[in-house]
Amino acid sequence: MTADTAAPRGSLYPCGRPLLDLPRPLPLVVLGATGSIGRQTLELVRRRPESLRVVAVACRGRVDLLRQELALLAGACPDHPAPLVAVGDPAAREQAARDL
Protein backbone atom coordinates (compact mmCIF):
# COMPACT_ATOMS: atom_id res chain seq x y z
CA MET A 1 0.00 0.00 0.00
CA THR A 2 1.48 3.34 -1.00
CA ALA A 3 0.98 6.65 0.75
CA ASP A 4 -1.60 7.84 -1.81
CA THR A 5 -3.65 4.59 -1.49
CA ALA A 6 -3.33 4.19 2.28
CA ALA A 7 -6.52 3.79 4.27
CA PRO A 8 -7.67 6.87 6.19
CA ARG A 9 -6.71 7.10 9.84
CA GLY A 10 -9.07 5.20 12.11
CA SER A 11 -10.13 2.76 9.40
CA LEU A 12 -9.78 -0.97 9.95
CA TYR A 13 -10.23 -1.81 6.27
CA PRO A 14 -7.85 -1.14 3.35
CA CYS A 15 -10.76 0.35 1.40
CA GLY A 16 -11.13 3.02 4.07
CA ARG A 17 -14.57 1.98 5.26
CA PRO A 18 -14.78 2.46 9.02
CA LEU A 19 -15.90 -0.48 11.11
CA LEU A 20 -18.84 1.47 12.52
CA ASP A 21 -20.40 1.89 9.05
CA LEU A 22 -21.52 -1.74 8.98
CA PRO A 23 -25.31 -2.21 8.95
CA ARG A 24 -26.99 -3.13 12.23
CA PRO A 25 -28.00 -5.84 12.62
CA LEU A 26 -25.26 -7.28 10.43
CA PRO A 27 -26.80 -9.72 7.90
CA LEU A 28 -25.21 -13.18 7.88
CA VAL A 29 -25.41 -16.22 5.60
CA VAL A 30 -24.59 -19.41 7.51
CA LEU A 31 -23.25 -22.20 5.32
CA GLY A 32 -23.15 -25.56 7.07
CA ALA A 33 -25.75 -24.42 9.58
CA THR A 34 -26.13 -27.90 11.11
CA GLY A 35 -22.41 -28.44 11.61
CA SER A 36 -20.43 -27.52 14.69
CA ILE A 37 -19.32 -24.07 13.56
CA GLY A 38 -22.67 -23.27 11.97
CA ARG A 39 -24.55 -24.12 15.16
CA GLN A 40 -22.13 -22.03 17.22
CA THR A 41 -22.70 -19.13 14.82
CA LEU A 42 -26.47 -19.43 15.21
CA GLU A 43 -26.03 -19.50 18.99
CA LEU A 44 -24.04 -16.27 18.78
CA VAL A 45 -26.82 -14.66 16.74
CA ARG A 46 -29.36 -15.74 19.38
CA ARG A 47 -27.25 -14.03 22.04
CA ARG A 48 -26.80 -10.82 20.02
CA PRO A 49 -29.97 -10.27 17.91
CA GLU A 50 -29.48 -6.50 18.06
CA SER A 51 -26.12 -6.87 16.32
CA LEU A 52 -26.53 -9.92 14.03
CA ARG A 53 -29.28 -11.24 11.74
CA VAL A 54 -29.35 -14.50 9.77
CA VAL A 55 -30.66 -13.91 6.24
CA ALA A 56 -29.95 -17.39 4.83
CA VAL A 57 -28.85 -20.84 6.00
CA ALA A 58 -27.60 -23.88 4.13
CA CYS A 59 -27.03 -27.49 5.08
CA ARG A 60 -26.36 -30.74 3.28
CA GLY A 61 -29.16 -32.89 4.60
CA ARG A 62 -29.76 -32.75 8.37
CA VAL A 63 -33.20 -31.17 8.03
CA ASP A 64 -34.44 -32.24 11.48
CA LEU A 65 -31.50 -30.51 13.14
CA LEU A 66 -31.96 -27.46 10.89
CA ARG A 67 -35.62 -27.27 11.92
CA GLN A 68 -34.59 -27.28 15.60
CA GLU A 69 -31.97 -24.58 15.05
CA LEU A 70 -34.41 -22.38 13.13
CA ALA A 71 -37.02 -22.77 15.88
CA LEU A 72 -34.46 -21.64 18.48
CA LEU A 73 -33.48 -18.73 16.27
CA ALA A 74 -37.11 -17.66 15.78
CA GLY A 75 -37.71 -17.79 19.53
CA ALA A 76 -34.67 -15.66 20.32
CA CYS A 77 -35.10 -13.23 17.41
CA PRO A 78 -38.87 -12.78 16.93
CA ASP A 79 -38.45 -9.47 15.08
CA HIS A 80 -36.16 -10.98 12.43
CA PRO A 81 -37.71 -12.41 9.25
CA ALA A 82 -37.25 -16.13 8.63
CA PRO A 83 -34.02 -16.85 6.72
CA LEU A 84 -33.88 -18.35 3.27
CA VAL A 85 -33.05 -22.07 3.39
CA ALA A 86 -30.91 -24.12 1.01
CA VAL A 87 -30.48 -27.90 1.32
CA GLY A 88 -27.91 -29.75 -0.77
CA ASP A 89 -29.21 -33.33 -0.68
CA PRO A 90 -32.18 -33.74 -3.08
CA ALA A 91 -34.15 -36.10 -0.81
CA ALA A 92 -33.57 -33.89 2.20
CA ARG A 93 -34.54 -30.86 0.10
CA GLU A 94 -37.96 -32.43 -0.51
CA GLN A 95 -38.35 -33.06 3.23
CA ALA A 96 -37.38 -29.45 3.95
CA ALA A 97 -39.90 -28.19 1.42
CA ARG A 98 -42.63 -30.11 3.28
CA ASP A 99 -41.47 -29.42 6.85
CA LEU A 100 -39.98 -25.92 6.94
PDB file of N, CA and C in Angstrom:
ATOM      1  N   MET A   1       0.855  -1.159   0.000  1.00  0.00           N
ATOM      2  CA  MET A   1       0.000   0.000   0.000  1.00  0.00           C
ATOM      3  C   MET A   1       0.909   1.232   0.000  1.00  0.00           C
ATOM      4  N   THR A   2       0.677   2.128  -0.920  1.00  0.00           N
ATOM      5  CA  THR A   2       1.479   3.342  -0.999  1.00  0.00           C
ATOM      6  C   THR A   2       0.802   4.447  -0.208  1.00  0.00           C
ATOM      7  N   ALA A   3       1.508   5.538  -0.034  1.00  0.00           N
ATOM      8  CA  ALA A   3       0.978   6.652   0.751  1.00  0.00           C
ATOM      9  C   ALA A   3      -0.305   7.213   0.151  1.00  0.00           C
ATOM     10  N   ASP A   4      -0.405   7.266  -1.194  1.00  0.00           N
ATOM     11  CA  ASP A   4      -1.600   7.836  -1.806  1.00  0.00           C
ATOM     12  C   ASP A   4      -2.780   6.859  -1.821  1.00  0.00           C
ATOM     13  N   THR A   5      -2.555   5.561  -1.549  1.00  0.00           N
ATOM     14  CA  THR A   5      -3.653   4.591  -1.495  1.00  0.00           C
ATOM     15  C   THR A   5      -3.884   4.071  -0.079  1.00  0.00           C
ATOM     16  N   ALA A   6      -3.196   4.645   0.886  1.00  0.00           N
ATOM     17  CA  ALA A   6      -3.333   4.189   2.276  1.00  0.00           C
ATOM     18  C   ALA A   6      -4.737   4.473   2.792  1.00  0.00           C
ATOM     19  N   ALA A   7      -5.209   3.602   3.661  1.00  0.00           N
ATOM     20  CA  ALA A   7      -6.519   3.786   4.272  1.00  0.00           C
ATOM     21  C   ALA A   7      -6.489   5.005   5.190  1.00  0.00           C
ATOM     22  N   PRO A   8      -7.602   5.720   5.288  1.00  0.00           N
ATOM     23  CA  PRO A   8      -7.666   6.867   6.187  1.00  0.00           C
ATOM     24  C   PRO A   8      -7.419   6.446   7.632  1.00  0.00           C
ATOM     25  N   ARG A   9      -6.934   7.382   8.422  1.00  0.00           N
ATOM     26  CA  ARG A   9      -6.706   7.097   9.837  1.00  0.00           C
ATOM     27  C   ARG A   9      -8.004   6.657  10.504  1.00  0.00           C
ATOM     28  N   GLY A  10      -7.912   5.695  11.382  1.00  0.00           N
ATOM     29  CA  GLY A  10      -9.072   5.202  12.108  1.00  0.00           C
ATOM     30  C   GLY A  10      -9.831   4.107  11.382  1.00  0.00           C
ATOM     31  N   SER A  11      -9.453   3.802  10.152  1.00  0.00           N
ATOM     32  CA  SER A  11     -10.133   2.762   9.405  1.00  0.00           C
ATOM     33  C   SER A  11      -9.485   1.417   9.697  1.00  0.00           C
ATOM     34  N   LEU A  12     -10.293   0.375   9.752  1.00  0.00           N
ATOM     35  CA  LEU A  12      -9.783  -0.973   9.947  1.00  0.00           C
ATOM     36  C   LEU A  12      -9.711  -1.734   8.635  1.00  0.00           C
ATOM     37  N   TYR A  13     -10.197  -1.153   7.563  1.00  0.00           N
ATOM     38  CA  TYR A  13     -10.232  -1.808   6.269  1.00  0.00           C
ATOM     39  C   TYR A  13      -9.351  -1.068   5.268  1.00  0.00           C
ATOM     40  N   PRO A  14      -8.673  -1.795   4.371  1.00  0.00           N
ATOM     41  CA  PRO A  14      -7.852  -1.144   3.352  1.00  0.00           C
ATOM     42  C   PRO A  14      -8.650  -0.211   2.454  1.00  0.00           C
ATOM     43  N   CYS A  15      -9.939  -0.502   2.267  1.00  0.00           N
ATOM     44  CA  CYS A  15     -10.760   0.349   1.402  1.00  0.00           C
ATOM     45  C   CYS A  15     -11.109   1.665   2.073  1.00  0.00           C
ATOM     46  N   GLY A  16     -10.852   1.778   3.361  1.00  0.00           N
ATOM     47  CA  GLY A  16     -11.128   3.019   4.073  1.00  0.00           C
ATOM     48  C   GLY A  16     -12.472   3.051   4.759  1.00  0.00           C
ATOM     49  N   ARG A  17     -13.265   2.000   4.623  1.00  0.00           N
ATOM     50  CA  ARG A  17     -14.574   1.982   5.257  1.00  0.00           C
ATOM     51  C   ARG A  17     -14.425   1.749   6.752  1.00  0.00           C
ATOM     52  N   PRO A  18     -14.915   2.662   7.572  1.00  0.00           N
ATOM     53  CA  PRO A  18     -14.785   2.462   9.023  1.00  0.00           C
ATOM     54  C   PRO A  18     -15.649   1.305   9.511  1.00  0.00           C
ATOM     55  N   LEU A  19     -15.202   0.661  10.536  1.00  0.00           N
ATOM     56  CA  LEU A  19     -15.899  -0.480  11.105  1.00  0.00           C
ATOM     57  C   LEU A  19     -17.324  -0.113  11.521  1.00  0.00           C
ATOM     58  N   LEU A  20     -17.532   1.075  12.005  1.00  0.00           N
ATOM     59  CA  LEU A  20     -18.838   1.470  12.518  1.00  0.00           C
ATOM     60  C   LEU A  20     -19.863   1.711  11.418  1.00  0.00           C
ATOM     61  N   ASP A  21     -19.460   1.693  10.145  1.00  0.00           N
ATOM     62  CA  ASP A  21     -20.401   1.889   9.045  1.00  0.00           C
ATOM     63  C   ASP A  21     -21.118   0.603   8.643  1.00  0.00           C
ATOM     64  N   LEU A  22     -20.849  -0.487   9.311  1.00  0.00           N
ATOM     65  CA  LEU A  22     -21.516  -1.742   8.984  1.00  0.00           C
ATOM     66  C   LEU A  22     -22.983  -1.651   9.383  1.00  0.00           C
ATOM     67  N   PRO A  23     -23.883  -2.266   8.602  1.00  0.00           N
ATOM     68  CA  PRO A  23     -25.306  -2.207   8.952  1.00  0.00           C
ATOM     69  C   PRO A  23     -25.583  -2.943  10.259  1.00  0.00           C
ATOM     70  N   ARG A  24     -26.569  -2.481  10.992  1.00  0.00           N
ATOM     71  CA  ARG A  24     -26.991  -3.129  12.231  1.00  0.00           C
ATOM     72  C   ARG A  24     -28.444  -3.500  12.114  1.00  0.00           C
ATOM     73  N   PRO A  25     -28.849  -4.700  12.367  1.00  0.00           N
ATOM     74  CA  PRO A  25     -27.997  -5.844  12.625  1.00  0.00           C
ATOM     75  C   PRO A  25     -27.289  -6.303  11.347  1.00  0.00           C
ATOM     76  N   LEU A  26     -26.093  -6.816  11.535  1.00  0.00           N
ATOM     77  CA  LEU A  26     -25.265  -7.275  10.428  1.00  0.00           C
ATOM     78  C   LEU A  26     -25.881  -8.537   9.819  1.00  0.00           C
ATOM     79  N   PRO A  27     -26.210  -8.525   8.520  1.00  0.00           N
ATOM     80  CA  PRO A  27     -26.797  -9.716   7.901  1.00  0.00           C
ATOM     81  C   PRO A  27     -25.755 -10.809   7.680  1.00  0.00           C
ATOM     82  N   LEU A  28     -26.114 -12.043   8.015  1.00  0.00           N
ATOM     83  CA  LEU A  28     -25.211 -13.182   7.879  1.00  0.00           C
ATOM     84  C   LEU A  28     -25.843 -14.283   7.044  1.00  0.00           C
ATOM     85  N   VAL A  29     -25.025 -14.983   6.277  1.00  0.00           N
ATOM     86  CA  VAL A  29     -25.407 -16.215   5.603  1.00  0.00           C
ATOM     87  C   VAL A  29     -24.596 -17.318   6.265  1.00  0.00           C
ATOM     88  N   VAL A  30     -25.256 -18.337   6.787  1.00  0.00           N
ATOM     89  CA  VAL A  30     -24.585 -19.413   7.508  1.00  0.00           C
ATOM     90  C   VAL A  30     -24.579 -20.659   6.635  1.00  0.00           C
ATOM     91  N   LEU A  31     -23.418 -20.982   6.096  1.00  0.00           N
ATOM     92  CA  LEU A  31     -23.247 -22.202   5.322  1.00  0.00           C
ATOM     93  C   LEU A  31     -22.855 -23.310   6.283  1.00  0.00           C
ATOM     94  N   GLY A  32     -23.426 -24.477   6.124  1.00  0.00           N
ATOM     95  CA  GLY A  32     -23.145 -25.564   7.066  1.00  0.00           C
ATOM     96  C   GLY A  32     -23.808 -25.298   8.402  1.00  0.00           C
ATOM     97  N   ALA A  33     -25.054 -24.847   8.373  1.00  0.00           N
ATOM     98  CA  ALA A  33     -25.753 -24.419   9.585  1.00  0.00           C
ATOM     99  C   ALA A  33     -25.989 -25.537  10.591  1.00  0.00           C
ATOM    100  N   THR A  34     -25.914 -26.797  10.165  1.00  0.00           N
ATOM    101  CA  THR A  34     -26.131 -27.896  11.105  1.00  0.00           C
ATOM    102  C   THR A  34     -24.821 -28.501  11.602  1.00  0.00           C
ATOM    103  N   GLY A  35     -23.714 -27.983  11.143  1.00  0.00           N
ATOM    104  CA  GLY A  35     -22.413 -28.436  11.612  1.00  0.00           C
ATOM    105  C   GLY A  35     -22.016 -27.713  12.884  1.00  0.00           C
ATOM    106  N   SER A  36     -20.898 -28.084  13.424  1.00  0.00           N
ATOM    107  CA  SER A  36     -20.433 -27.520  14.693  1.00  0.00           C
ATOM    108  C   SER A  36     -20.267 -26.003  14.634  1.00  0.00           C
ATOM    109  N   ILE A  37     -19.560 -25.512  13.648  1.00  0.00           N
ATOM    110  CA  ILE A  37     -19.316 -24.067  13.559  1.00  0.00           C
ATOM    111  C   ILE A  37     -20.597 -23.322  13.208  1.00  0.00           C
ATOM    112  N   GLY A  38     -21.413 -23.906  12.331  1.00  0.00           N
ATOM    113  CA  GLY A  38     -22.674 -23.273  11.970  1.00  0.00           C
ATOM    114  C   GLY A  38     -23.604 -23.138  13.161  1.00  0.00           C
ATOM    115  N   ARG A  39     -23.689 -24.173  13.968  1.00  0.00           N
ATOM    116  CA  ARG A  39     -24.547 -24.117  15.156  1.00  0.00           C
ATOM    117  C   ARG A  39     -24.017 -23.113  16.180  1.00  0.00           C
ATOM    118  N   GLN A  40     -22.709 -23.027  16.318  1.00  0.00           N
ATOM    119  CA  GLN A  40     -22.133 -22.027  17.221  1.00  0.00           C
ATOM    120  C   GLN A  40     -22.419 -20.612  16.716  1.00  0.00           C
ATOM    121  N   THR A  41     -22.390 -20.436  15.405  1.00  0.00           N
ATOM    122  CA  THR A  41     -22.697 -19.128  14.821  1.00  0.00           C
ATOM    123  C   THR A  41     -24.149 -18.751  15.098  1.00  0.00           C
ATOM    124  N   LEU A  42     -25.058 -19.701  14.929  1.00  0.00           N
ATOM    125  CA  LEU A  42     -26.466 -19.434  15.211  1.00  0.00           C
ATOM    126  C   LEU A  42     -26.686 -19.124  16.696  1.00  0.00           C
ATOM    127  N   GLU A  43     -25.943 -19.794  17.555  1.00  0.00           N
ATOM    128  CA  GLU A  43     -26.031 -19.495  18.991  1.00  0.00           C
ATOM    129  C   GLU A  43     -25.580 -18.066  19.275  1.00  0.00           C
ATOM    130  N   LEU A  44     -24.526 -17.643  18.617  1.00  0.00           N
ATOM    131  CA  LEU A  44     -24.040 -16.273  18.782  1.00  0.00           C
ATOM    132  C   LEU A  44     -25.090 -15.265  18.326  1.00  0.00           C
ATOM    133  N   VAL A  45     -25.763 -15.545  17.232  1.00  0.00           N
ATOM    134  CA  VAL A  45     -26.824 -14.657  16.744  1.00  0.00           C
ATOM    135  C   VAL A  45     -27.957 -14.596  17.769  1.00  0.00           C
ATOM    136  N   ARG A  46     -28.305 -15.735  18.367  1.00  0.00           N
ATOM    137  CA  ARG A  46     -29.363 -15.739  19.376  1.00  0.00           C
ATOM    138  C   ARG A  46     -28.983 -14.892  20.582  1.00  0.00           C
ATOM    139  N   ARG A  47     -27.714 -14.850  20.897  1.00  0.00           N
ATOM    140  CA  ARG A  47     -27.252 -14.035  22.038  1.00  0.00           C
ATOM    141  C   ARG A  47     -27.193 -12.551  21.704  1.00  0.00           C
ATOM    142  N   ARG A  48     -26.998 -12.219  20.420  1.00  0.00           N
ATOM    143  CA  ARG A  48     -26.802 -10.818  20.020  1.00  0.00           C
ATOM    144  C   ARG A  48     -27.735 -10.416  18.875  1.00  0.00           C
ATOM    145  N   PRO A  49     -29.061 -10.573  19.016  1.00  0.00           N
ATOM    146  CA  PRO A  49     -29.969 -10.268  17.907  1.00  0.00           C
ATOM    147  C   PRO A  49     -29.973  -8.798  17.506  1.00  0.00           C
ATOM    148  N   GLU A  50     -29.547  -7.923  18.410  1.00  0.00           N
ATOM    149  CA  GLU A  50     -29.482  -6.501  18.063  1.00  0.00           C
ATOM    150  C   GLU A  50     -28.302  -6.201  17.145  1.00  0.00           C
ATOM    151  N   SER A  51     -27.319  -7.087  17.112  1.00  0.00           N
ATOM    152  CA  SER A  51     -26.115  -6.871  16.315  1.00  0.00           C
ATOM    153  C   SER A  51     -26.032  -7.760  15.079  1.00  0.00           C
ATOM    154  N   LEU A  52     -26.667  -8.939  15.104  1.00  0.00           N
ATOM    155  CA  LEU A  52     -26.532  -9.918  14.026  1.00  0.00           C
ATOM    156  C   LEU A  52     -27.900 -10.413  13.587  1.00  0.00           C
ATOM    157  N   ARG A  53     -28.023 -10.724  12.285  1.00  0.00           N
ATOM    158  CA  ARG A  53     -29.283 -11.244  11.744  1.00  0.00           C
ATOM    159  C   ARG A  53     -28.958 -12.279  10.671  1.00  0.00           C
ATOM    160  N   VAL A  54     -29.562 -13.439  10.755  1.00  0.00           N
ATOM    161  CA  VAL A  54     -29.350 -14.498   9.767  1.00  0.00           C
ATOM    162  C   VAL A  54     -30.338 -14.275   8.616  1.00  0.00           C
ATOM    163  N   VAL A  55     -29.799 -14.103   7.403  1.00  0.00           N
ATOM    164  CA  VAL A  55     -30.660 -13.906   6.238  1.00  0.00           C
ATOM    165  C   VAL A  55     -30.814 -15.180   5.425  1.00  0.00           C
ATOM    166  N   ALA A  56     -29.872 -16.130   5.556  1.00  0.00           N
ATOM    167  CA  ALA A  56     -29.949 -17.395   4.830  1.00  0.00           C
ATOM    168  C   ALA A  56     -29.129 -18.455   5.552  1.00  0.00           C
ATOM    169  N   VAL A  57     -29.583 -19.695   5.443  1.00  0.00           N
ATOM    170  CA  VAL A  57     -28.852 -20.841   6.001  1.00  0.00           C
ATOM    171  C   VAL A  57     -28.777 -21.927   4.939  1.00  0.00           C
ATOM    172  N   ALA A  58     -27.746 -22.745   5.033  1.00  0.00           N
ATOM    173  CA  ALA A  58     -27.596 -23.876   4.126  1.00  0.00           C
ATOM    174  C   ALA A  58     -27.090 -25.072   4.912  1.00  0.00           C
ATOM    175  N   CYS A  59     -27.536 -26.244   4.502  1.00  0.00           N
ATOM    176  CA  CYS A  59     -27.034 -27.488   5.084  1.00  0.00           C
ATOM    177  C   CYS A  59     -27.054 -28.551   3.997  1.00  0.00           C
ATOM    178  N   ARG A  60     -26.397 -29.653   4.266  1.00  0.00           N
ATOM    179  CA  ARG A  60     -26.364 -30.739   3.275  1.00  0.00           C
ATOM    180  C   ARG A  60     -27.625 -31.585   3.338  1.00  0.00           C
ATOM    181  N   GLY A  61     -28.012 -32.006   4.556  1.00  0.00           N
ATOM    182  CA  GLY A  61     -29.163 -32.887   4.603  1.00  0.00           C
ATOM    183  C   GLY A  61     -29.767 -33.117   5.971  1.00  0.00           C
ATOM    184  N   ARG A  62     -29.241 -32.513   7.007  1.00  0.00           N
ATOM    185  CA  ARG A  62     -29.757 -32.752   8.367  1.00  0.00           C
ATOM    186  C   ARG A  62     -30.930 -31.807   8.646  1.00  0.00           C
ATOM    187  N   VAL A  63     -32.044 -32.072   7.979  1.00  0.00           N
ATOM    188  CA  VAL A  63     -33.199 -31.171   8.026  1.00  0.00           C
ATOM    189  C   VAL A  63     -33.822 -31.125   9.416  1.00  0.00           C
ATOM    190  N   ASP A  64     -33.866 -32.246  10.135  1.00  0.00           N
ATOM    191  CA  ASP A  64     -34.440 -32.244  11.481  1.00  0.00           C
ATOM    192  C   ASP A  64     -33.656 -31.317  12.405  1.00  0.00           C
ATOM    193  N   LEU A  65     -32.336 -31.392  12.331  1.00  0.00           N
ATOM    194  CA  LEU A  65     -31.503 -30.505  13.141  1.00  0.00           C
ATOM    195  C   LEU A  65     -31.660 -29.056  12.695  1.00  0.00           C
ATOM    196  N   LEU A  66     -31.755 -28.825  11.400  1.00  0.00           N
ATOM    197  CA  LEU A  66     -31.957 -27.460  10.891  1.00  0.00           C
ATOM    198  C   LEU A  66     -33.283 -26.893  11.399  1.00  0.00           C
ATOM    199  N   ARG A  67     -34.321 -27.718  11.408  1.00  0.00           N
ATOM    200  CA  ARG A  67     -35.619 -27.270  11.922  1.00  0.00           C
ATOM    201  C   ARG A  67     -35.499 -26.841  13.386  1.00  0.00           C
ATOM    202  N   GLN A  68     -34.774 -27.634  14.189  1.00  0.00           N
ATOM    203  CA  GLN A  68     -34.587 -27.284  15.602  1.00  0.00           C
ATOM    204  C   GLN A  68     -33.832 -25.966  15.744  1.00  0.00           C
ATOM    205  N   GLU A  69     -32.764 -25.804  14.972  1.00  0.00           N
ATOM    206  CA  GLU A  69     -31.967 -24.580  15.047  1.00  0.00           C
ATOM    207  C   GLU A  69     -32.788 -23.356  14.628  1.00  0.00           C
ATOM    208  N   LEU A  70     -33.591 -23.503  13.583  1.00  0.00           N
ATOM    209  CA  LEU A  70     -34.415 -22.381  13.127  1.00  0.00           C
ATOM    210  C   LEU A  70     -35.498 -22.033  14.142  1.00  0.00           C
ATOM    211  N   ALA A  71     -36.028 -23.036  14.835  1.00  0.00           N
ATOM    212  CA  ALA A  71     -37.016 -22.772  15.884  1.00  0.00           C
ATOM    213  C   ALA A  71     -36.385 -21.994  17.032  1.00  0.00           C
ATOM    214  N   LEU A  72     -35.172 -22.381  17.429  1.00  0.00           N
ATOM    215  CA  LEU A  72     -34.465 -21.643  18.484  1.00  0.00           C
ATOM    216  C   LEU A  72     -34.178 -20.216  18.045  1.00  0.00           C
ATOM    217  N   LEU A  73     -33.785 -20.058  16.804  1.00  0.00           N
ATOM    218  CA  LEU A  73     -33.484 -18.730  16.271  1.00  0.00           C
ATOM    219  C   LEU A  73     -34.738 -17.863  16.253  1.00  0.00           C
ATOM    220  N   ALA A  74     -35.855 -18.421  15.814  1.00  0.00           N
ATOM    221  CA  ALA A  74     -37.106 -17.663  15.778  1.00  0.00           C
ATOM    222  C   ALA A  74     -37.555 -17.257  17.176  1.00  0.00           C
ATOM    223  N   GLY A  75     -37.350 -18.121  18.166  1.00  0.00           N
ATOM    224  CA  GLY A  75     -37.713 -17.786  19.531  1.00  0.00           C
ATOM    225  C   GLY A  75     -36.864 -16.673  20.126  1.00  0.00           C
ATOM    226  N   ALA A  76     -35.589 -16.667  19.774  1.00  0.00           N
ATOM    227  CA  ALA A  76     -34.671 -15.662  20.317  1.00  0.00           C
ATOM    228  C   ALA A  76     -34.704 -14.348  19.540  1.00  0.00           C
ATOM    229  N   CYS A  77     -35.122 -14.416  18.283  1.00  0.00           N
ATOM    230  CA  CYS A  77     -35.102 -13.235  17.408  1.00  0.00           C
ATOM    231  C   CYS A  77     -36.466 -13.064  16.744  1.00  0.00           C
ATOM    232  N   PRO A  78     -37.530 -12.816  17.512  1.00  0.00           N
ATOM    233  CA  PRO A  78     -38.870 -12.779  16.928  1.00  0.00           C
ATOM    234  C   PRO A  78     -39.088 -11.647  15.926  1.00  0.00           C
ATOM    235  N   ASP A  79     -38.294 -10.601  15.993  1.00  0.00           N
ATOM    236  CA  ASP A  79     -38.449  -9.470  15.078  1.00  0.00           C
ATOM    237  C   ASP A  79     -37.736  -9.686  13.750  1.00  0.00           C
ATOM    238  N   HIS A  80     -36.900 -10.711  13.658  1.00  0.00           N
ATOM    239  CA  HIS A  80     -36.163 -10.982  12.425  1.00  0.00           C
ATOM    240  C   HIS A  80     -37.017 -11.828  11.488  1.00  0.00           C
ATOM    241  N   PRO A  81     -36.989 -11.537  10.188  1.00  0.00           N
ATOM    242  CA  PRO A  81     -37.707 -12.407   9.247  1.00  0.00           C
ATOM    243  C   PRO A  81     -37.040 -13.781   9.161  1.00  0.00           C
ATOM    244  N   ALA A  82     -37.802 -14.779   8.781  1.00  0.00           N
ATOM    245  CA  ALA A  82     -37.251 -16.133   8.631  1.00  0.00           C
ATOM    246  C   ALA A  82     -36.187 -16.127   7.530  1.00  0.00           C
ATOM    247  N   PRO A  83     -35.072 -16.819   7.746  1.00  0.00           N
ATOM    248  CA  PRO A  83     -34.024 -16.845   6.724  1.00  0.00           C
ATOM    249  C   PRO A  83     -34.397 -17.729   5.532  1.00  0.00           C
ATOM    250  N   LEU A  84     -33.775 -17.452   4.410  1.00  0.00           N
ATOM    251  CA  LEU A  84     -33.876 -18.349   3.266  1.00  0.00           C
ATOM    252  C   LEU A  84     -33.168 -19.644   3.621  1.00  0.00           C
ATOM    253  N   VAL A  85     -33.619 -20.757   3.059  1.00  0.00           N
ATOM    254  CA  VAL A  85     -33.049 -22.070   3.388  1.00  0.00           C
ATOM    255  C   VAL A  85     -32.624 -22.771   2.102  1.00  0.00           C
ATOM    256  N   ALA A  86     -31.404 -23.309   2.109  1.00  0.00           N
ATOM    257  CA  ALA A  86     -30.905 -24.123   1.005  1.00  0.00           C
ATOM    258  C   ALA A  86     -30.452 -25.465   1.566  1.00  0.00           C
ATOM    259  N   VAL A  87     -30.848 -26.543   0.890  1.00  0.00           N
ATOM    260  CA  VAL A  87     -30.485 -27.898   1.316  1.00  0.00           C
ATOM    261  C   VAL A  87     -29.857 -28.605   0.122  1.00  0.00           C
ATOM    262  N   GLY A  88     -28.667 -29.152   0.322  1.00  0.00           N
ATOM    263  CA  GLY A  88     -27.910 -29.752  -0.768  1.00  0.00           C
ATOM    264  C   GLY A  88     -28.413 -31.111  -1.229  1.00  0.00           C
ATOM    265  N   ASP A  89     -28.776 -31.974  -0.327  1.00  0.00           N
ATOM    266  CA  ASP A  89     -29.214 -33.327  -0.682  1.00  0.00           C
ATOM    267  C   ASP A  89     -30.636 -33.278  -1.250  1.00  0.00           C
ATOM    268  N   PRO A  90     -30.855 -33.826  -2.457  1.00  0.00           N
ATOM    269  CA  PRO A  90     -32.184 -33.737  -3.080  1.00  0.00           C
ATOM    270  C   PRO A  90     -33.313 -34.342  -2.243  1.00  0.00           C
ATOM    271  N   ALA A  91     -33.099 -35.495  -1.633  1.00  0.00           N
ATOM    272  CA  ALA A  91     -34.150 -36.104  -0.809  1.00  0.00           C
ATOM    273  C   ALA A  91     -34.437 -35.248   0.420  1.00  0.00           C
ATOM    274  N   ALA A  92     -33.391 -34.757   1.031  1.00  0.00           N
ATOM    275  CA  ALA A  92     -33.567 -33.893   2.203  1.00  0.00           C
ATOM    276  C   ALA A  92     -34.220 -32.574   1.799  1.00  0.00           C
ATOM    277  N   ARG A  93     -33.925 -32.104   0.595  1.00  0.00           N
ATOM    278  CA  ARG A  93     -34.536 -30.860   0.101  1.00  0.00           C
ATOM    279  C   ARG A  93     -36.053 -31.014   0.009  1.00  0.00           C
ATOM    280  N   GLU A  94     -36.506 -32.179  -0.446  1.00  0.00           N
ATOM    281  CA  GLU A  94     -37.956 -32.429  -0.513  1.00  0.00           C
ATOM    282  C   GLU A  94     -38.567 -32.439   0.874  1.00  0.00           C
ATOM    283  N   GLN A  95     -37.857 -33.050   1.838  1.00  0.00           N
ATOM    284  CA  GLN A  95     -38.345 -33.055   3.226  1.00  0.00           C
ATOM    285  C   GLN A  95     -38.396 -31.630   3.768  1.00  0.00           C
ATOM    286  N   ALA A  96     -37.393 -30.828   3.479  1.00  0.00           N
ATOM    287  CA  ALA A  96     -37.376 -29.452   3.949  1.00  0.00           C
ATOM    288  C   ALA A  96     -38.517 -28.645   3.345  1.00  0.00           C
ATOM    289  N   ALA A  97     -38.810 -28.890   2.077  1.00  0.00           N
ATOM    290  CA  ALA A  97     -39.903 -28.186   1.421  1.00  0.00           C
ATOM    291  C   ALA A  97     -41.240 -28.504   2.104  1.00  0.00           C
ATOM    292  N   ARG A  98     -41.398 -29.731   2.581  1.00  0.00           N
ATOM    293  CA  ARG A  98     -42.629 -30.109   3.285  1.00  0.00           C
ATOM    294  C   ARG A  98     -42.647 -29.586   4.708  1.00  0.00           C
ATOM    295  N   ASP A  99     -41.510 -29.651   5.398  1.00  0.00           N
ATOM    296  CA  ASP A  99     -41.474 -29.423   6.850  1.00  0.00           C
ATOM    297  C   ASP A  99     -41.164 -27.986   7.279  1.00  0.00           C
ATOM    298  N   LEU A 100     -40.406 -27.256   6.478  1.00  0.00           N
ATOM    299  CA  LEU A 100     -39.975 -25.920   6.936  1.00  0.00           C
ATOM    300  C   LEU A 100     -40.862 -24.825   6.383  1.00  0.00           C
TER     301      LEU A 100
END
